Amino acid sequence: MNDEAVPFDDRGLAYGDGLFETVLVRDGQPLLWDEHMARLEEGCHRLGIAFPGHDRLACLPACSGPGLHVLKLIVTRGSGGRGYLPPTDAEPRLRWRSSPFSPQRAHWTDGVRVRLCELRLGHQPRLAGIKHLNRLENVLARKEWSDPDIAEGLLSDSSGRLIEATCMNLFWQYGHRWETPSLARCGVEGTLRAGLLRQCSLHEVDRGSDVLLEADSLWLGNSIQGIWPITSLVDSSGQLLRAWSTASLDRSLQAEAHALLGYPLPA
């Protein structure tokens, strides 16, 4: 791990001026590494931060050792003076840590209960998709509930379009058609989502929350936990809006996702 103290004038600490990635690592081998590096490099390009370099980053997953781990990478612009104007000579700062990890396997089979969040995500296309350090919208949304039986909260944007969950991407199915929200205006383009878009018939769409009541099935996923079916949806007051049975789910998207992550498909 790389736990050196972050100085007071670090711009990531002061302004959220930086990026992060969380990578699933199995026995020292990273999963979806190309997707993580592509997103990090794109984020550095958009923020005008020098990319740390593929060679420098490629050696880090092996430091995790045997077993399943999550490798977290944080890249900030580095130190800078007072005010928002970035210094022209800032030296980017890289911090990383690897931690043992175990996925919530029961959620793969049994599914999860989720709620609609009251918070609405603002539009900022220049930041859409990248995993920048300023995640206050997600923090505020996650503070909306404390019920341990609710696994996630679904977020719409200021125009009422579905975007994502607080820390996962959203997918749904109509018959044989799989869809996921467009993230052109806001939201995080998850690396598992990117992998599924690359190899599956998955369609990016603009839809309001009414689609949640019409879909044959709903799913949440990210590159750490895998894919969870949603079994019940409640509104922000806790009123049940819709329930789904896991008995006859089409698990084809889950199978594709878990193959990418090396996770088994529930029996």
C-alpha atoms as a PDB file:
ATOM      1  CA  MET A   1       0.000   0.000   0.000  1.00  0.00           C
ATOM      2  CA  ASN A   2       0.980   3.624  -0.452  1.00  0.00           C
ATOM      3  CA  ASP A   3      -0.156   5.478   2.684  1.00  0.00           C
ATOM      4  CA  GLU A   4       2.110   8.500   2.781  1.00  0.00           C
ATOM      5  CA  ALA A   5       0.435  11.547   4.291  1.00  0.00           C
ATOM      6  CA  VAL A   6      -1.423  13.766   1.841  1.00  0.00           C
ATOM      7  CA  PRO A   7      -0.282  17.380   2.300  1.00  0.00           C
ATOM      8  CA  PHE A   8      -2.749  20.103   3.212  1.00  0.00           C
ATOM      9  CA  ASP A   9      -2.364  21.787  -0.183  1.00  0.00           C
ATOM     10  CA  ASP A  10      -3.186  18.685  -2.217  1.00  0.00           C
ATOM     11  CA  ARG A  11      -5.838  19.707  -4.740  1.00  0.00           C
ATOM     12  CA  GLY A  12      -7.619  16.386  -4.500  1.00  0.00           C
ATOM     13  CA  LEU A  13      -8.107  16.980  -0.776  1.00  0.00           C
ATOM     14  CA  ALA A  14      -9.039  20.646  -1.198  1.00  0.00           C
ATOM     15  CA  TYR A  15     -11.234  20.524  -4.319  1.00  0.00           C
ATOM     16  CA  GLY A  16     -11.821  16.914  -5.350  1.00  0.00           C
ATOM     17  CA  ASP A  17      -9.403  17.662  -8.201  1.00  0.00           C
ATOM     18  CA  GLY A  18      -8.560  14.100  -9.136  1.00  0.00           C
ATOM     19  CA  LEU A  19      -9.780  10.633 -10.026  1.00  0.00           C
ATOM     20  CA  PHE A  20     -10.033   7.145  -8.576  1.00  0.00           C
ATOM     21  CA  GLU A  21     -10.482   3.540  -9.654  1.00  0.00           C
ATOM     22  CA  THR A  22     -11.446   0.426  -7.695  1.00  0.00           C
ATOM     23  CA  VAL A  23     -10.190  -2.756  -9.358  1.00  0.00           C
ATOM     24  CA  LEU A  24     -11.066  -6.366  -8.552  1.00  0.00           C
ATOM     25  CA  VAL A  25      -7.856  -8.415  -8.307  1.00  0.00           C
ATOM     26  CA  ARG A  26      -7.758 -12.213  -8.166  1.00  0.00           C
ATOM     27  CA  ASP A  27      -4.443 -13.839  -7.203  1.00  0.00           C
ATOM     28  CA  GLY A  28      -2.550 -10.772  -8.345  1.00  0.00           C
ATOM     29  CA  GLN A  29      -4.373 -10.532 -11.688  1.00  0.00           C
ATOM     30  CA  PRO A  30      -6.670  -7.528 -12.265  1.00  0.00           C
ATOM     31  CA  LEU A  31     -10.083  -7.949 -13.857  1.00  0.00           C
ATOM     32  CA  LEU A  32     -11.266  -5.468 -16.517  1.00  0.00           C
ATOM     33  CA  TRP A  33      -7.884  -3.761 -16.261  1.00  0.00           C
ATOM     34  CA  ASP A  34      -8.026  -2.336 -19.793  1.00  0.00           C
ATOM     35  CA  GLU A  35     -11.400  -0.746 -19.046  1.00  0.00           C
ATOM     36  CA  HIS A  36     -10.135   0.741 -15.774  1.00  0.00           C
ATOM     37  CA  MET A  37      -7.028   2.161 -17.436  1.00  0.00           C
ATOM     38  CA  ALA A  38      -9.051   3.565 -20.330  1.00  0.00           C
ATOM     39  CA  ARG A  39     -11.424   5.354 -17.941  1.00  0.00           C
ATOM     40  CA  LEU A  40      -8.576   6.673 -15.803  1.00  0.00           C
ATOM     41  CA  GLU A  41      -6.681   7.900 -18.843  1.00  0.00           C
ATOM     42  CA  GLU A  42      -9.814   9.565 -20.232  1.00  0.00           C
ATOM     43  CA  GLY A  43     -10.426  11.216 -16.848  1.00  0.00           C
ATOM     44  CA  CYS A  44      -6.863  12.525 -16.731  1.00  0.00           C
ATOM     45  CA  HIS A  45      -7.278  13.904 -20.241  1.00  0.00           C
ATOM     46  CA  ARG A  46     -10.523  15.693 -19.380  1.00  0.00           C
ATOM     47  CA  LEU A  47      -9.146  17.216 -16.167  1.00  0.00           C
ATOM     48  CA  GLY A  48      -5.764  18.053 -17.686  1.00  0.00           C
ATOM     49  CA  ILE A  49      -3.832  15.845 -15.252  1.00  0.00           C
ATOM     50  CA  ALA A  50      -0.801  13.911 -16.463  1.00  0.00           C
ATOM     51  CA  PHE A  51      -1.631  10.197 -16.637  1.00  0.00           C
ATOM     52  CA  PRO A  52       0.642   8.248 -14.236  1.00  0.00           C
ATOM     53  CA  GLY A  53       1.699   5.852 -17.007  1.00  0.00           C
ATOM     54  CA  HIS A  54       0.713   2.289 -17.847  1.00  0.00           C
ATOM     55  CA  ASP A  55       4.015   0.784 -16.720  1.00  0.00           C
ATOM     56  CA  ARG A  56       3.837   2.471 -13.323  1.00  0.00           C
ATOM     57  CA  LEU A  57       0.288   1.256 -12.724  1.00  0.00           C
ATOM     58  CA  ALA A  58       0.586  -2.216 -14.241  1.00  0.00           C
ATOM     59  CA  CYS A  59       2.848  -3.493 -11.454  1.00  0.00           C
ATOM     60  CA  LEU A  60       0.402  -2.633  -8.648  1.00  0.00           C
ATOM     61  CA  PRO A  61      -2.159  -5.500  -8.923  1.00  0.00           C
ATOM     62  CA  ALA A  62       0.564  -8.087  -8.304  1.00  0.00           C
ATOM     63  CA  CYS A  63       1.190  -6.473  -4.899  1.00  0.00           C
ATOM     64  CA  SER A  64      -2.189  -7.805  -3.731  1.00  0.00           C
ATOM     65  CA  GLY A  65      -0.956 -11.384  -3.413  1.00  0.00           C
ATOM     66  CA  PRO A  66      -3.147 -14.518  -3.369  1.00  0.00           C
ATOM     67  CA  GLY A  67      -6.915 -14.409  -2.997  1.00  0.00           C
ATOM     68  CA  LEU A  68      -9.496 -11.802  -3.899  1.00  0.00           C
ATOM     69  CA  HIS A  69      -8.670  -8.130  -3.291  1.00  0.00           C
ATOM     70  CA  VAL A  70      -9.856  -4.666  -4.236  1.00  0.00           C
ATOM     71  CA  LEU A  71      -7.121  -2.334  -5.440  1.00  0.00           C
ATOM     72  CA  LYS A  72      -8.018   1.349  -5.036  1.00  0.00           C
ATOM     73  CA  LEU A  73      -6.069   3.902  -7.045  1.00  0.00           C
ATOM     74  CA  ILE A  74      -6.290   7.639  -6.358  1.00  0.00           C
ATOM     75  CA  VAL A  75      -4.691  10.197  -8.664  1.00  0.00           C
ATOM     76  CA  THR A  76      -4.810  13.907  -7.732  1.00  0.00           C
ATOM     77  CA  ARG A  77      -3.460  16.910  -9.586  1.00  0.00           C
ATOM     78  CA  GLY A  78      -0.960  17.234  -6.766  1.00  0.00           C
ATOM     79  CA  SER A  79      -0.153  20.248  -4.606  1.00  0.00           C
ATOM     80  CA  GLY A  80      -1.249  23.748  -5.535  1.00  0.00           C
ATOM     81  CA  GLY A  81      -1.713  27.187  -4.060  1.00  0.00           C
ATOM     82  CA  ARG A  82      -4.816  28.969  -2.865  1.00  0.00           C
ATOM     83  CA  GLY A  83      -7.713  29.329  -5.282  1.00  0.00           C
ATOM     84  CA  TYR A  84      -9.228  27.192  -8.004  1.00  0.00           C
ATOM     85  CA  LEU A  85      -6.745  28.008 -10.771  1.00  0.00           C
ATOM     86  CA  PRO A  86      -4.552  24.903 -11.182  1.00  0.00           C
ATOM     87  CA  PRO A  87      -0.807  25.531 -11.143  1.00  0.00           C
ATOM     88  CA  THR A  88       0.866  24.932 -14.482  1.00  0.00           C
ATOM     89  CA  ASP A  89       3.686  22.918 -12.893  1.00  0.00           C
ATOM     90  CA  ALA A  90       1.637  20.653 -10.591  1.00  0.00           C
ATOM     91  CA  GLU A  91       3.071  17.168 -10.141  1.00  0.00           C
ATOM     92  CA  PRO A  92       0.305  14.508  -9.984  1.00  0.00           C
ATOM     93  CA  ARG A  93       0.126  12.440  -6.823  1.00  0.00           C
ATOM     94  CA  LEU A  94      -0.668   8.689  -6.892  1.00  0.00           C
ATOM     95  CA  ARG A  95      -1.886   6.810  -3.845  1.00  0.00           C
ATOM     96  CA  TRP A  96      -3.049   3.182  -3.761  1.00  0.00           C
ATOM     97  CA  ARG A  97      -4.180   0.485  -1.355  1.00  0.00           C
ATOM     98  CA  SER A  98      -5.106  -3.183  -1.747  1.00  0.00           C
ATOM     99  CA  SER A  99      -7.628  -4.740   0.657  1.00  0.00           C
ATOM    100  CA  PRO A 100      -8.974  -8.322   0.975  1.00  0.00           C
ATOM    101  CA  PHE A 101     -12.484  -8.644  -0.407  1.00  0.00           C
ATOM    102  CA  SER A 102     -15.434 -11.022  -0.449  1.00  0.00           C
ATOM    103  CA  PRO A 103     -18.493 -10.329  -2.638  1.00  0.00           C
ATOM    104  CA  GLN A 104     -22.049 -10.518  -1.306  1.00  0.00           C
ATOM    105  CA  ARG A 105     -22.779 -13.847  -2.931  1.00  0.00           C
ATOM    106  CA  ALA A 106     -26.317 -14.184  -1.554  1.00  0.00           C
ATOM    107  CA  HIS A 107     -27.323 -11.105  -3.551  1.00  0.00           C
ATOM    108  CA  TRP A 108     -26.392 -12.884  -6.796  1.00  0.00           C
ATOM    109  CA  THR A 109     -29.065 -15.520  -6.165  1.00  0.00           C
ATOM    110  CA  ASP A 110     -31.632 -13.973  -3.838  1.00  0.00           C
ATOM    111  CA  GLY A 111     -31.631 -10.453  -5.248  1.00  0.00           C
ATOM    112  CA  VAL A 112     -31.937  -7.128  -3.445  1.00  0.00           C
ATOM    113  CA  ARG A 113     -34.435  -4.497  -2.364  1.00  0.00           C
ATOM    114  CA  VAL A 114     -33.809  -0.966  -3.674  1.00  0.00           C
ATOM    115  CA  ARG A 115     -35.393   2.455  -3.331  1.00  0.00           C
ATOM    116  CA  LEU A 116     -35.825   5.582  -5.404  1.00  0.00           C
ATOM    117  CA  CYS A 117     -33.684   8.491  -4.204  1.00  0.00           C
ATOM    118  CA  GLU A 118     -35.027  12.013  -3.783  1.00  0.00           C
ATOM    119  CA  LEU A 119     -31.747  13.610  -4.859  1.00  0.00           C
ATOM    120  CA  ARG A 120     -31.429  14.462  -8.559  1.00  0.00           C
ATOM    121  CA  LEU A 121     -28.106  14.423 -10.377  1.00  0.00           C
ATOM    122  CA  GLY A 122     -27.043  17.639 -12.083  1.00  0.00           C
ATOM    123  CA  HIS A 123     -25.936  17.742 -15.716  1.00  0.00           C
ATOM    124  CA  GLN A 124     -22.248  18.238 -16.451  1.00  0.00           C
ATOM    125  CA  PRO A 125     -21.263  16.497 -19.715  1.00  0.00           C
ATOM    126  CA  ARG A 126     -17.579  17.418 -19.286  1.00  0.00           C
ATOM    127  CA  LEU A 127     -17.473  15.225 -16.177  1.00  0.00           C
ATOM    128  CA  ALA A 128     -19.992  12.587 -17.272  1.00  0.00           C
ATOM    129  CA  GLY A 129     -18.663   9.051 -17.265  1.00  0.00           C
ATOM    130  CA  ILE A 130     -15.358   9.608 -15.458  1.00  0.00           C
ATOM    131  CA  LYS A 131     -14.766   8.632 -11.837  1.00  0.00           C
ATOM    132  CA  HIS A 132     -13.680  11.971 -10.411  1.00  0.00           C
ATOM    133  CA  LEU A 133     -13.145  12.530  -6.698  1.00  0.00           C
ATOM    134  CA  ASN A 134     -16.072  14.924  -6.162  1.00  0.00           C
ATOM    135  CA  ARG A 135     -18.829  12.413  -5.335  1.00  0.00           C
ATOM    136  CA  LEU A 136     -20.925  14.585  -3.002  1.00  0.00           C
ATOM    137  CA  GLU A 137     -24.126  13.854  -4.918  1.00  0.00           C
ATOM    138  CA  ASN A 138     -23.620  10.142  -4.293  1.00  0.00           C
ATOM    139  CA  VAL A 139     -22.795  10.766  -0.630  1.00  0.00           C
ATOM    140  CA  LEU A 140     -25.966  12.801  -0.106  1.00  0.00           C
ATOM    141  CA  ALA A 141     -28.074  10.218  -1.927  1.00  0.00           C
ATOM    142  CA  ARG A 142     -26.649   7.388   0.191  1.00  0.00           C
ATOM    143  CA  LYS A 143     -27.461   9.358   3.367  1.00  0.00           C
ATOM    144  CA  GLU A 144     -31.168   9.204   2.493  1.00  0.00           C
ATOM    145  CA  TRP A 145     -31.654   5.763   4.076  1.00  0.00           C
ATOM    146  CA  SER A 146     -30.207   3.626   6.845  1.00  0.00           C
ATOM    147  CA  ASP A 147     -32.398   0.514   6.504  1.00  0.00           C
ATOM    148  CA  PRO A 148     -29.959  -2.411   6.082  1.00  0.00           C
ATOM    149  CA  ASP A 149     -32.573  -4.305   4.049  1.00  0.00           C
ATOM    150  CA  ILE A 150     -32.284  -1.726   1.266  1.00  0.00           C
ATOM    151  CA  ALA A 151     -29.159  -2.488  -0.742  1.00  0.00           C
ATOM    152  CA  GLU A 152     -29.100   0.485  -3.106  1.00  0.00           C
ATOM    153  CA  GLY A 153     -30.779   3.698  -4.214  1.00  0.00           C
ATOM    154  CA  LEU A 154     -31.660   4.585  -7.807  1.00  0.00           C
ATOM    155  CA  LEU A 155     -30.832   8.050  -9.112  1.00  0.00           C
ATOM    156  CA  SER A 156     -32.439  10.147 -11.832  1.00  0.00           C
ATOM    157  CA  ASP A 157     -31.096  13.400 -13.256  1.00  0.00           C
ATOM    158  CA  SER A 158     -32.627  16.873 -12.997  1.00  0.00           C
ATOM    159  CA  SER A 159     -34.753  16.106 -16.086  1.00  0.00           C
ATOM    160  CA  GLY A 160     -36.177  12.914 -14.608  1.00  0.00           C
ATOM    161  CA  ARG A 161     -34.092  10.478 -16.667  1.00  0.00           C
ATOM    162  CA  LEU A 162     -32.803   7.358 -14.944  1.00  0.00           C
ATOM    163  CA  ILE A 163     -29.011   7.374 -14.593  1.00  0.00           C
ATOM    164  CA  GLU A 164     -27.574   4.865 -12.094  1.00  0.00           C
ATOM    165  CA  ALA A 165     -27.552   3.667  -8.489  1.00  0.00           C
ATOM    166  CA  THR A 166     -25.385   5.335  -5.864  1.00  0.00           C
ATOM    167  CA  CYS A 167     -22.426   3.027  -6.585  1.00  0.00           C
ATOM    168  CA  MET A 168     -23.646   0.649  -9.305  1.00  0.00           C
ATOM    169  CA  ASN A 169     -24.939   0.807 -12.854  1.00  0.00           C
ATOM    170  CA  LEU A 170     -28.519  -0.068 -13.720  1.00  0.00           C
ATOM    171  CA  PHE A 171     -29.829  -2.544 -16.315  1.00  0.00           C
ATOM    172  CA  TRP A 172     -33.280  -3.835 -17.232  1.00  0.00           C
ATOM    173  CA  GLN A 173     -34.920  -6.283 -19.627  1.00  0.00           C
ATOM    174  CA  TYR A 174     -37.970  -6.186 -21.894  1.00  0.00           C
ATOM    175  CA  GLY A 175     -38.451  -9.608 -23.378  1.00  0.00           C
ATOM    176  CA  HIS A 176     -35.124 -10.306 -25.043  1.00  0.00           C
ATOM    177  CA  ARG A 177     -33.974  -6.657 -25.160  1.00  0.00           C
ATOM    178  CA  TRP A 178     -31.477  -5.423 -22.564  1.00  0.00           C
ATOM    179  CA  GLU A 179     -31.157  -1.702 -21.821  1.00  0.00           C
ATOM    180  CA  THR A 180     -29.066   0.592 -19.616  1.00  0.00           C
ATOM    181  CA  PRO A 181     -29.346   4.364 -19.049  1.00  0.00           C
ATOM    182  CA  SER A 182     -27.378   6.744 -21.254  1.00  0.00           C
ATOM    183  CA  LEU A 183     -24.636   8.518 -19.296  1.00  0.00           C
ATOM    184  CA  ALA A 184     -23.981  11.359 -21.736  1.00  0.00           C
ATOM    185  CA  ARG A 185     -24.974  14.063 -19.220  1.00  0.00           C
ATOM    186  CA  CYS A 186     -23.928  12.655 -15.838  1.00  0.00           C
ATOM    187  CA  GLY A 187     -23.189   9.424 -14.008  1.00  0.00           C
ATOM    188  CA  VAL A 188     -20.250   7.021 -13.926  1.00  0.00           C
ATOM    189  CA  GLU A 189     -19.507   4.717 -16.845  1.00  0.00           C
ATOM    190  CA  GLY A 190     -18.734   1.560 -14.893  1.00  0.00           C
ATOM    191  CA  THR A 191     -16.069  -0.737 -16.254  1.00  0.00           C
ATOM    192  CA  LEU A 192     -18.351  -3.787 -16.023  1.00  0.00           C
ATOM    193  CA  ARG A 193     -20.957  -1.826 -17.980  1.00  0.00           C
ATOM    194  CA  ALA A 194     -18.283  -0.998 -20.562  1.00  0.00           C
ATOM    195  CA  GLY A 195     -17.347  -4.662 -20.855  1.00  0.00           C
ATOM    196  CA  LEU A 196     -20.981  -5.676 -21.315  1.00  0.00           C
ATOM    197  CA  LEU A 197     -21.574  -2.994 -23.947  1.00  0.00           C
ATOM    198  CA  ARG A 198     -18.546  -4.301 -25.816  1.00  0.00           C
ATOM    199  CA  GLN A 199     -19.665  -7.899 -26.012  1.00  0.00           C
ATOM    200  CA  CYS A 200     -23.453  -8.015 -25.484  1.00  0.00           C
ATOM    201  CA  SER A 201     -26.532  -6.692 -27.220  1.00  0.00           C
ATOM    202  CA  LEU A 202     -27.047  -3.949 -24.625  1.00  0.00           C
ATOM    203  CA  HIS A 203     -28.755  -0.695 -25.645  1.00  0.00           C
ATOM    204  CA  GLU A 204     -28.115   2.738 -24.106  1.00  0.00           C
ATOM    205  CA  VAL A 205     -31.391   4.661 -23.748  1.00  0.00           C
ATOM    206  CA  ASP A 206     -32.933   7.783 -22.227  1.00  0.00           C
ATOM    207  CA  ARG A 207     -35.870   6.674 -20.072  1.00  0.00           C
ATOM    208  CA  GLY A 208     -37.754   7.985 -17.063  1.00  0.00           C
ATOM    209  CA  SER A 209     -38.455   6.014 -13.907  1.00  0.00           C
ATOM    210  CA  ASP A 210     -41.718   4.697 -15.369  1.00  0.00           C
ATOM    211  CA  VAL A 211     -39.650   2.062 -17.153  1.00  0.00           C
ATOM    212  CA  LEU A 212     -38.941   0.464 -13.770  1.00  0.00           C
ATOM    213  CA  LEU A 213     -42.584  -0.489 -13.401  1.00  0.00           C
ATOM    214  CA  GLU A 214     -42.781  -1.972 -16.896  1.00  0.00           C
ATOM    215  CA  ALA A 215     -39.555  -3.982 -17.145  1.00  0.00           C
ATOM    216  CA  ASP A 216     -39.504  -7.781 -16.980  1.00  0.00           C
ATOM    217  CA  SER A 217     -36.487  -7.611 -14.677  1.00  0.00           C
ATOM    218  CA  LEU A 218     -34.134  -5.050 -13.126  1.00  0.00           C
ATOM    219  CA  TRP A 219     -30.445  -5.526 -12.316  1.00  0.00           C
ATOM    220  CA  LEU A 220     -27.603  -3.674 -10.631  1.00  0.00           C
ATOM    221  CA  GLY A 221     -23.948  -4.274 -11.354  1.00  0.00           C
ATOM    222  CA  ASN A 222     -20.378  -3.105 -10.912  1.00  0.00           C
ATOM    223  CA  SER A 223     -16.905  -4.498 -11.416  1.00  0.00           C
ATOM    224  CA  ILE A 224     -16.490  -5.416  -7.736  1.00  0.00           C
ATOM    225  CA  GLN A 225     -19.792  -7.018  -6.713  1.00  0.00           C
ATOM    226  CA  GLY A 226     -20.922  -8.490 -10.032  1.00  0.00           C
ATOM    227  CA  ILE A 227     -24.616  -8.438 -10.978  1.00  0.00           C
ATOM    228  CA  TRP A 228     -27.566  -8.435  -8.569  1.00  0.00           C
ATOM    229  CA  PRO A 229     -31.220  -8.950  -9.559  1.00  0.00           C
ATOM    230  CA  ILE A 230     -33.660  -6.496  -8.028  1.00  0.00           C
ATOM    231  CA  THR A 231     -36.575  -8.235  -6.290  1.00  0.00           C
ATOM    232  CA  SER A 232     -38.433  -5.218  -4.929  1.00  0.00           C
ATOM    233  CA  LEU A 233     -38.536  -1.472  -5.547  1.00  0.00           C
ATOM    234  CA  VAL A 234     -39.840   1.080  -3.050  1.00  0.00           C
ATOM    235  CA  ASP A 235     -40.230   4.839  -3.273  1.00  0.00           C
ATOM    236  CA  SER A 236     -38.430   7.307  -0.994  1.00  0.00           C
ATOM    237  CA  SER A 237     -41.115   6.881   1.682  1.00  0.00           C
ATOM    238  CA  GLY A 238     -40.806   3.090   1.688  1.00  0.00           C
ATOM    239  CA  GLN A 239     -43.994   2.296  -0.252  1.00  0.00           C
ATOM    240  CA  LEU A 240     -43.691  -0.786  -2.458  1.00  0.00           C
ATOM    241  CA  LEU A 241     -43.861   0.052  -6.159  1.00  0.00           C
ATOM    242  CA  ARG A 242     -43.064  -3.292  -7.805  1.00  0.00           C
ATOM    243  CA  ALA A 243     -41.742  -6.759  -7.000  1.00  0.00           C
ATOM    244  CA  TRP A 244     -40.082  -9.398  -9.164  1.00  0.00           C
ATOM    245  CA  SER A 245     -39.559 -13.119  -8.616  1.00  0.00           C
ATOM    246  CA  THR A 246     -36.137 -14.712  -9.068  1.00  0.00           C
ATOM    247  CA  ALA A 247     -37.696 -18.060 -10.006  1.00  0.00           C
ATOM    248  CA  SER A 248     -37.732 -17.591 -13.762  1.00  0.00           C
ATOM    249  CA  LEU A 249     -35.155 -14.858 -14.388  1.00  0.00           C
ATOM    250  CA  ASP A 250     -33.231 -14.673 -17.646  1.00  0.00           C
ATOM    251  CA  ARG A 251     -29.722 -14.635 -16.175  1.00  0.00           C
ATOM    252  CA  SER A 252     -27.903 -14.209 -19.495  1.00  0.00           C
ATOM    253  CA  LEU A 253     -26.605 -10.720 -18.634  1.00  0.00           C
ATOM    254  CA  GLN A 254     -25.472 -11.936 -15.226  1.00  0.00           C
ATOM    255  CA  ALA A 255     -23.685 -14.862 -16.885  1.00  0.00           C
ATOM    256  CA  GLU A 256     -21.819 -12.516 -19.254  1.00  0.00           C
ATOM    257  CA  ALA A 257     -20.883 -10.179 -16.411  1.00  0.00           C
ATOM    258  CA  HIS A 258     -19.678 -12.899 -14.075  1.00  0.00           C
ATOM    259  CA  ALA A 259     -17.599 -14.455 -16.829  1.00  0.00           C
ATOM    260  CA  LEU A 260     -15.785 -11.114 -17.126  1.00  0.00           C
ATOM    261  CA  LEU A 261     -15.121 -11.101 -13.366  1.00  0.00           C
ATOM    262  CA  GLY A 262     -14.443 -14.799 -12.814  1.00  0.00           C
ATOM    263  CA  TYR A 263     -17.524 -15.139 -10.589  1.00  0.00           C
ATOM    264  CA  PRO A 264     -19.791 -18.218 -10.779  1.00  0.00           C
ATOM    265  CA  LEU A 265     -23.330 -18.069 -12.090  1.00  0.00           C
ATOM    266  CA  PRO A 266     -25.892 -18.838  -9.355  1.00  0.00           C
ATOM    267  CA  ALA A 267     -27.480 -22.262  -9.668  1.00  0.00           C
END
